Structure formats: C-alpha cells, structure tokens
Amino acid sequence: MTSGFLNEIPADQRRGVMLRDALIIAIALVTVSLAAAFSLPRGSDEAAPSRAIVFSPWTTERDALSMTLAAGHRVLRSGIARFIVITAPSADPGIAQVKPAGALLMLALSGLAGCLDARSTADASS
C-alpha cells in the first residue's frame, strides 16, 4: 500500500508532479492579479470625479506631482503613498484628461472607498 507521499513517487515522475504543481500556482497567481487589475474603476476620458494617478513606487512625491501638473491635471493632494496623486475633476467637461508621462494607472476614485486616498486628520463633525 502506498500513502501517496512525494518521496514514494519514482524520481522520473517526481519532477513532472512538481512542475505541474508550480504551473497551477503560477496560473492562479496571474489570474487573481489580472482580475484585481481589471476590476479597478477606470472612468471615462471626459470629466470624472476625482482621480487617483498611480506612478511607479520609486517615483518621488515631487516628481509625481510635477508630471501630473505637466499633463494639465488639477492636483488636490498626495494619496496614501508618495507615488499616488489625487486630482480634481477637469474644469472644462469637454477636455479629455490624458495620463501623465510615467503614470502606471489613472483611476476614478468613485467606488474605491478611499483605498488610494490619504486619511484625513480633520474629520467633519456635526
């Protein structure tokens, strides 16, 4: 009787089993990553609610802000990380907002529930 442990599998089959398992894990990781990326709200090209513009993690806050301003966006503040910039909607709804040079993503903040937005220290009170 065999208990099914890996050390009881012949050596020539062991490599195939390990390769198959690694391939299953790699496919699962790619699928989950793509599903998460495609589920982010992209928004339309025209005026939208505030946007989060995401740069690469090694981009400094100063560079992210300058590239965002150079693309014609109205900057509100930095996001939860130094490489995320929160922008205001376009003043003219007819002008399309272009992605700044070096930006990885340009996401509409609606539906993200503040995931990319910095926490405010001054909460509104009634």
N, C-alpha and C. Protein backbone atom coordinates (compact mmCIF):
# COMPACT_ATOMS: atom_id res chain seq x y z
N MET A 1 0.83 -1.18 0.00
CA MET A 1 0.00 0.00 0.00
C MET A 1 0.87 1.25 0.00
N THR A 2 0.46 2.22 -0.76
CA THR A 2 1.18 3.49 -0.77
C THR A 2 0.32 4.55 -0.13
N SER A 3 0.97 5.46 0.53
CA SER A 3 0.23 6.54 1.19
C SER A 3 0.16 7.79 0.34
N GLY A 4 0.82 7.82 -0.81
CA GLY A 4 0.74 8.96 -1.72
C GLY A 4 1.72 10.08 -1.43
N PHE A 5 2.68 9.85 -0.59
CA PHE A 5 3.67 10.89 -0.31
C PHE A 5 4.59 11.06 -1.51
N LEU A 6 5.15 12.28 -1.63
CA LEU A 6 6.01 12.62 -2.77
C LEU A 6 7.25 11.73 -2.83
N ASN A 7 7.78 11.32 -1.67
CA ASN A 7 9.00 10.51 -1.69
C ASN A 7 8.74 9.07 -2.15
N GLU A 8 7.49 8.66 -2.26
CA GLU A 8 7.17 7.33 -2.76
C GLU A 8 6.94 7.32 -4.26
N ILE A 9 6.96 8.50 -4.89
CA ILE A 9 6.80 8.60 -6.34
C ILE A 9 8.18 8.39 -6.96
N PRO A 10 8.26 7.63 -8.03
CA PRO A 10 9.56 7.43 -8.69
C PRO A 10 10.16 8.77 -9.10
N ALA A 11 11.49 8.81 -9.14
CA ALA A 11 12.22 10.06 -9.39
C ALA A 11 11.85 10.69 -10.72
N ASP A 12 11.63 9.88 -11.75
CA ASP A 12 11.31 10.45 -13.06
C ASP A 12 9.92 11.09 -13.08
N GLN A 13 9.01 10.64 -12.25
CA GLN A 13 7.66 11.23 -12.19
C GLN A 13 7.61 12.41 -11.22
N ARG A 14 8.52 12.44 -10.26
CA ARG A 14 8.51 13.49 -9.23
C ARG A 14 8.69 14.88 -9.85
N ARG A 15 9.59 14.98 -10.82
CA ARG A 15 9.83 16.27 -11.48
C ARG A 15 8.57 16.75 -12.20
N GLY A 16 7.87 15.85 -12.86
CA GLY A 16 6.63 16.21 -13.55
C GLY A 16 5.55 16.67 -12.60
N VAL A 17 5.44 16.02 -11.46
CA VAL A 17 4.44 16.40 -10.46
C VAL A 17 4.76 17.79 -9.90
N MET A 18 6.03 18.04 -9.61
CA MET A 18 6.41 19.35 -9.06
C MET A 18 6.22 20.45 -10.09
N LEU A 19 6.53 20.16 -11.35
CA LEU A 19 6.34 21.14 -12.42
C LEU A 19 4.86 21.46 -12.61
N ARG A 20 4.03 20.43 -12.56
CA ARG A 20 2.58 20.62 -12.69
C ARG A 20 2.05 21.49 -11.55
N ASP A 21 2.48 21.22 -10.33
CA ASP A 21 2.03 22.00 -9.18
C ASP A 21 2.47 23.45 -9.28
N ALA A 22 3.71 23.67 -9.71
CA ALA A 22 4.21 25.04 -9.86
C ALA A 22 3.44 25.78 -10.94
N LEU A 23 3.09 25.09 -12.01
CA LEU A 23 2.32 25.71 -13.09
C LEU A 23 0.91 26.08 -12.62
N ILE A 24 0.29 25.24 -11.84
CA ILE A 24 -1.04 25.54 -11.29
C ILE A 24 -0.99 26.78 -10.41
N ILE A 25 0.03 26.87 -9.57
CA ILE A 25 0.17 28.04 -8.68
C ILE A 25 0.43 29.30 -9.49
N ALA A 26 1.28 29.22 -10.51
CA ALA A 26 1.58 30.39 -11.34
C ALA A 26 0.33 30.87 -12.08
N ILE A 27 -0.45 29.95 -12.63
CA ILE A 27 -1.68 30.33 -13.33
C ILE A 27 -2.66 30.98 -12.37
N ALA A 28 -2.77 30.44 -11.16
CA ALA A 28 -3.68 31.03 -10.17
C ALA A 28 -3.25 32.44 -9.80
N LEU A 29 -1.96 32.66 -9.60
CA LEU A 29 -1.47 34.00 -9.26
C LEU A 29 -1.71 35.00 -10.38
N VAL A 30 -1.46 34.61 -11.61
CA VAL A 30 -1.68 35.51 -12.75
C VAL A 30 -3.17 35.82 -12.89
N THR A 31 -4.03 34.83 -12.73
CA THR A 31 -5.47 35.04 -12.84
C THR A 31 -5.98 36.00 -11.78
N VAL A 32 -5.57 35.81 -10.55
CA VAL A 32 -6.01 36.70 -9.47
C VAL A 32 -5.49 38.11 -9.68
N SER A 33 -4.24 38.25 -10.11
CA SER A 33 -3.67 39.58 -10.35
C SER A 33 -4.40 40.30 -11.47
N LEU A 34 -4.68 39.61 -12.56
CA LEU A 34 -5.41 40.23 -13.67
C LEU A 34 -6.83 40.59 -13.27
N ALA A 35 -7.49 39.73 -12.52
CA ALA A 35 -8.85 40.02 -12.07
C ALA A 35 -8.88 41.27 -11.19
N ALA A 36 -7.90 41.41 -10.32
CA ALA A 36 -7.84 42.60 -9.46
C ALA A 36 -7.57 43.85 -10.27
N ALA A 37 -6.68 43.78 -11.24
CA ALA A 37 -6.35 44.94 -12.06
C ALA A 37 -7.53 45.37 -12.92
N PHE A 38 -8.25 44.42 -13.50
CA PHE A 38 -9.37 44.77 -14.37
C PHE A 38 -10.61 45.21 -13.59
N SER A 39 -10.67 44.93 -12.30
CA SER A 39 -11.84 45.34 -11.52
C SER A 39 -11.74 46.77 -11.00
N LEU A 40 -10.59 47.42 -11.17
CA LEU A 40 -10.43 48.81 -10.73
C LEU A 40 -11.25 49.74 -11.62
N PRO A 41 -11.92 50.74 -11.03
CA PRO A 41 -12.72 51.67 -11.84
C PRO A 41 -11.82 52.59 -12.65
N ARG A 42 -11.93 52.52 -13.95
CA ARG A 42 -11.09 53.33 -14.82
C ARG A 42 -11.72 54.69 -15.12
N GLY A 43 -13.01 54.78 -15.23
CA GLY A 43 -13.67 56.06 -15.53
C GLY A 43 -13.57 56.38 -17.00
N SER A 44 -14.31 57.38 -17.42
CA SER A 44 -14.29 57.79 -18.82
C SER A 44 -13.17 58.79 -19.05
N ASP A 45 -12.92 59.11 -20.32
CA ASP A 45 -11.88 60.07 -20.65
C ASP A 45 -12.30 61.50 -20.35
N GLU A 46 -13.60 61.73 -20.31
CA GLU A 46 -14.07 63.09 -20.05
C GLU A 46 -14.08 63.35 -18.56
N ALA A 47 -14.61 64.51 -18.19
CA ALA A 47 -14.61 64.91 -16.78
C ALA A 47 -15.22 63.81 -15.92
N ALA A 48 -14.54 63.46 -14.89
CA ALA A 48 -14.97 62.41 -13.98
C ALA A 48 -14.78 62.92 -12.57
N PRO A 49 -15.25 62.16 -11.60
CA PRO A 49 -14.95 62.55 -10.22
C PRO A 49 -13.43 62.58 -10.00
N SER A 50 -13.04 62.92 -8.84
CA SER A 50 -11.61 62.96 -8.54
C SER A 50 -10.94 61.66 -8.97
N ARG A 51 -9.70 61.79 -9.40
CA ARG A 51 -8.95 60.63 -9.88
C ARG A 51 -7.71 60.41 -9.02
N ALA A 52 -7.29 59.17 -9.00
CA ALA A 52 -6.01 58.81 -8.38
C ALA A 52 -5.08 58.42 -9.51
N ILE A 53 -3.96 59.11 -9.61
CA ILE A 53 -2.96 58.79 -10.63
C ILE A 53 -1.82 58.08 -9.92
N VAL A 54 -1.56 56.85 -10.35
CA VAL A 54 -0.59 56.00 -9.68
C VAL A 54 0.68 55.91 -10.53
N PHE A 55 1.79 56.26 -9.92
CA PHE A 55 3.10 56.17 -10.57
C PHE A 55 3.84 54.95 -10.00
N SER A 56 5.01 54.66 -10.53
CA SER A 56 5.79 53.54 -10.01
C SER A 56 6.23 53.85 -8.58
N PRO A 57 6.40 52.83 -7.74
CA PRO A 57 6.73 53.05 -6.33
C PRO A 57 8.04 53.81 -6.10
N TRP A 58 8.97 53.80 -7.02
CA TRP A 58 10.24 54.51 -6.83
C TRP A 58 10.16 55.96 -7.29
N THR A 59 8.99 56.41 -7.75
CA THR A 59 8.81 57.81 -8.13
C THR A 59 8.67 58.66 -6.87
N THR A 60 9.42 59.74 -6.79
CA THR A 60 9.32 60.62 -5.63
C THR A 60 8.03 61.42 -5.70
N GLU A 61 7.61 61.94 -4.55
CA GLU A 61 6.39 62.73 -4.50
C GLU A 61 6.52 63.97 -5.38
N ARG A 62 7.67 64.59 -5.34
CA ARG A 62 7.89 65.80 -6.14
C ARG A 62 7.78 65.50 -7.64
N ASP A 63 8.37 64.39 -8.08
CA ASP A 63 8.29 64.01 -9.50
C ASP A 63 6.86 63.67 -9.90
N ALA A 64 6.15 62.94 -9.03
CA ALA A 64 4.77 62.57 -9.34
C ALA A 64 3.90 63.81 -9.48
N LEU A 65 4.07 64.76 -8.57
CA LEU A 65 3.28 66.00 -8.64
C LEU A 65 3.64 66.80 -9.88
N SER A 66 4.92 66.90 -10.21
CA SER A 66 5.32 67.70 -11.38
C SER A 66 4.85 67.07 -12.68
N MET A 67 4.91 65.75 -12.80
CA MET A 67 4.43 65.09 -14.02
C MET A 67 2.91 65.22 -14.16
N THR A 68 2.20 65.20 -13.03
CA THR A 68 0.75 65.36 -13.06
C THR A 68 0.38 66.77 -13.48
N LEU A 69 1.06 67.76 -12.93
CA LEU A 69 0.79 69.15 -13.31
C LEU A 69 1.17 69.40 -14.77
N ALA A 70 2.25 68.80 -15.24
CA ALA A 70 2.68 68.98 -16.62
C ALA A 70 1.65 68.42 -17.61
N ALA A 71 0.88 67.42 -17.19
CA ALA A 71 -0.14 66.84 -18.06
C ALA A 71 -1.43 67.65 -18.03
N GLY A 72 -1.48 68.71 -17.21
CA GLY A 72 -2.64 69.58 -17.19
C GLY A 72 -3.70 69.22 -16.17
N HIS A 73 -3.38 68.37 -15.22
CA HIS A 73 -4.35 68.00 -14.19
C HIS A 73 -4.34 69.02 -13.06
N ARG A 74 -5.46 69.12 -12.37
CA ARG A 74 -5.56 69.98 -11.19
C ARG A 74 -5.31 69.11 -9.96
N VAL A 75 -4.18 69.30 -9.33
CA VAL A 75 -3.77 68.46 -8.20
C VAL A 75 -4.46 68.91 -6.93
N LEU A 76 -5.05 67.95 -6.22
CA LEU A 76 -5.64 68.23 -4.91
C LEU A 76 -4.64 67.96 -3.79
N ARG A 77 -4.02 66.78 -3.82
CA ARG A 77 -3.09 66.38 -2.75
C ARG A 77 -2.42 65.06 -3.14
N SER A 78 -1.51 64.63 -2.31
CA SER A 78 -0.90 63.31 -2.50
C SER A 78 -1.84 62.26 -1.94
N GLY A 79 -1.68 61.04 -2.42
CA GLY A 79 -2.52 59.94 -1.96
C GLY A 79 -1.94 59.29 -0.72
N ILE A 80 -2.35 58.06 -0.48
CA ILE A 80 -1.93 57.33 0.72
C ILE A 80 -0.44 56.98 0.66
N ALA A 81 0.13 56.94 -0.53
CA ALA A 81 1.57 56.72 -0.72
C ALA A 81 2.13 57.88 -1.52
N ARG A 82 3.42 58.09 -1.45
CA ARG A 82 4.03 59.26 -2.08
C ARG A 82 3.94 59.23 -3.60
N PHE A 83 3.73 58.06 -4.18
CA PHE A 83 3.67 57.94 -5.64
C PHE A 83 2.24 57.96 -6.19
N ILE A 84 1.27 58.30 -5.35
CA ILE A 84 -0.13 58.43 -5.77
C ILE A 84 -0.52 59.89 -5.64
N VAL A 85 -1.15 60.43 -6.69
CA VAL A 85 -1.58 61.83 -6.70
C VAL A 85 -3.09 61.86 -6.90
N ILE A 86 -3.79 62.63 -6.07
CA ILE A 86 -5.23 62.79 -6.18
C ILE A 86 -5.50 64.09 -6.94
N THR A 87 -6.30 64.01 -8.01
CA THR A 87 -6.59 65.18 -8.82
C THR A 87 -8.07 65.52 -8.78
N ALA A 88 -8.37 66.78 -9.05
CA ALA A 88 -9.75 67.27 -9.12
C ALA A 88 -10.31 67.01 -10.51
N PRO A 89 -11.64 67.00 -10.64
CA PRO A 89 -12.23 66.88 -11.97
C PRO A 89 -11.80 68.05 -12.85
N SER A 90 -11.83 67.84 -14.14
CA SER A 90 -11.45 68.88 -15.09
C SER A 90 -12.43 70.05 -14.99
N ALA A 91 -11.91 71.27 -15.12
CA ALA A 91 -12.76 72.46 -15.06
C ALA A 91 -13.66 72.54 -16.29
N ASP A 92 -13.18 72.06 -17.42
CA ASP A 92 -13.95 72.06 -18.66
C ASP A 92 -14.33 70.63 -19.00
N PRO A 93 -15.63 70.27 -18.92
CA PRO A 93 -16.02 68.88 -19.16
C PRO A 93 -15.73 68.38 -20.58
N GLY A 94 -15.47 69.27 -21.52
CA GLY A 94 -15.21 68.86 -22.89
C GLY A 94 -13.77 68.44 -23.14
N ILE A 95 -12.89 68.71 -22.20
CA ILE A 95 -11.47 68.40 -22.37
C ILE A 95 -11.18 67.01 -21.79
N ALA A 96 -10.59 66.16 -22.62
CA ALA A 96 -10.23 64.82 -22.15
C ALA A 96 -8.99 64.91 -21.27
N GLN A 97 -8.97 64.13 -20.20
CA GLN A 97 -7.82 64.10 -19.31
C GLN A 97 -6.87 63.00 -19.78
N VAL A 98 -5.63 63.38 -20.04
CA VAL A 98 -4.64 62.42 -20.52
C VAL A 98 -3.81 61.89 -19.35
N LYS A 99 -3.33 60.68 -19.51
CA LYS A 99 -2.49 60.08 -18.47
C LYS A 99 -1.12 60.74 -18.52
N PRO A 100 -0.61 61.19 -17.37
CA PRO A 100 0.71 61.83 -17.34
C PRO A 100 1.81 60.85 -17.75
N ALA A 101 2.90 61.41 -18.27
CA ALA A 101 4.06 60.59 -18.62
C ALA A 101 4.58 59.90 -17.36
N GLY A 102 4.84 58.63 -17.45
CA GLY A 102 5.35 57.88 -16.30
C GLY A 102 4.29 57.29 -15.40
N ALA A 103 3.02 57.63 -15.62
CA ALA A 103 1.95 57.10 -14.78
C ALA A 103 1.62 55.67 -15.20
N LEU A 104 1.38 54.81 -14.21
CA LEU A 104 1.01 53.44 -14.50
C LEU A 104 -0.50 53.31 -14.66
N LEU A 105 -1.25 53.95 -13.77
CA LEU A 105 -2.71 53.88 -13.78
C LEU A 105 -3.31 55.25 -13.53
N MET A 106 -4.50 55.47 -14.08
CA MET A 106 -5.27 56.67 -13.79
C MET A 106 -6.68 56.18 -13.48
N LEU A 107 -7.05 56.18 -12.20
CA LEU A 107 -8.28 55.56 -11.73
C LEU A 107 -9.26 56.59 -11.20
N ALA A 108 -10.55 56.36 -11.47
CA ALA A 108 -11.59 57.19 -10.87
C ALA A 108 -11.73 56.78 -9.41
N LEU A 109 -11.79 57.75 -8.51
CA LEU A 109 -11.87 57.43 -7.08
C LEU A 109 -13.24 56.89 -6.69
N SER A 110 -14.26 57.12 -7.50
CA SER A 110 -15.58 56.61 -7.16
C SER A 110 -15.55 55.09 -7.16
N GLY A 111 -15.99 54.49 -6.09
CA GLY A 111 -16.02 53.05 -5.98
C GLY A 111 -14.80 52.45 -5.30
N LEU A 112 -13.77 53.23 -5.07
CA LEU A 112 -12.59 52.70 -4.39
C LEU A 112 -12.67 52.84 -2.88
N ALA A 113 -13.66 53.56 -2.40
CA ALA A 113 -13.89 53.74 -0.96
C ALA A 113 -12.65 54.27 -0.25
N GLY A 114 -11.93 55.15 -0.90
CA GLY A 114 -10.78 55.79 -0.27
C GLY A 114 -9.55 54.93 -0.15
N CYS A 115 -9.46 53.85 -0.88
CA CYS A 115 -8.31 52.95 -0.77
C CYS A 115 -7.00 53.64 -1.17
N LEU A 116 -7.06 54.57 -2.11
CA LEU A 116 -5.85 55.24 -2.57
C LEU A 116 -5.72 56.64 -2.00
N ASP A 117 -6.72 57.09 -1.26
CA ASP A 117 -6.77 58.44 -0.75
C ASP A 117 -6.18 58.47 0.66
N ALA A 118 -5.41 59.50 0.96
CA ALA A 118 -4.81 59.63 2.29
C ALA A 118 -5.89 59.89 3.32
N ARG A 119 -5.72 59.34 4.50
CA ARG A 119 -6.69 59.56 5.57
C ARG A 119 -6.59 60.99 6.06
N SER A 120 -7.74 61.59 6.24
CA SER A 120 -7.79 62.97 6.69
C SER A 120 -7.72 63.01 8.21
N THR A 121 -6.96 63.95 8.74
CA THR A 121 -6.87 64.09 10.19
C THR A 121 -8.00 64.94 10.73
N ALA A 122 -8.58 65.77 9.88
CA ALA A 122 -9.68 66.64 10.32
C ALA A 122 -10.98 66.06 9.82
N ASP A 123 -11.70 65.35 10.68
CA ASP A 123 -12.97 64.76 10.31
C ASP A 123 -14.08 65.77 10.54
N ALA A 124 -15.08 65.74 9.68
CA ALA A 124 -16.22 66.64 9.84
C ALA A 124 -17.05 66.18 11.03
N SER A 125 -17.49 67.11 11.80
CA SER A 125 -18.33 66.77 12.95
C SER A 125 -19.58 67.62 12.91
N SER A 126 -20.65 67.10 13.48
CA SER A 126 -21.90 67.86 13.47
C SER A 126 -22.32 68.24 14.87
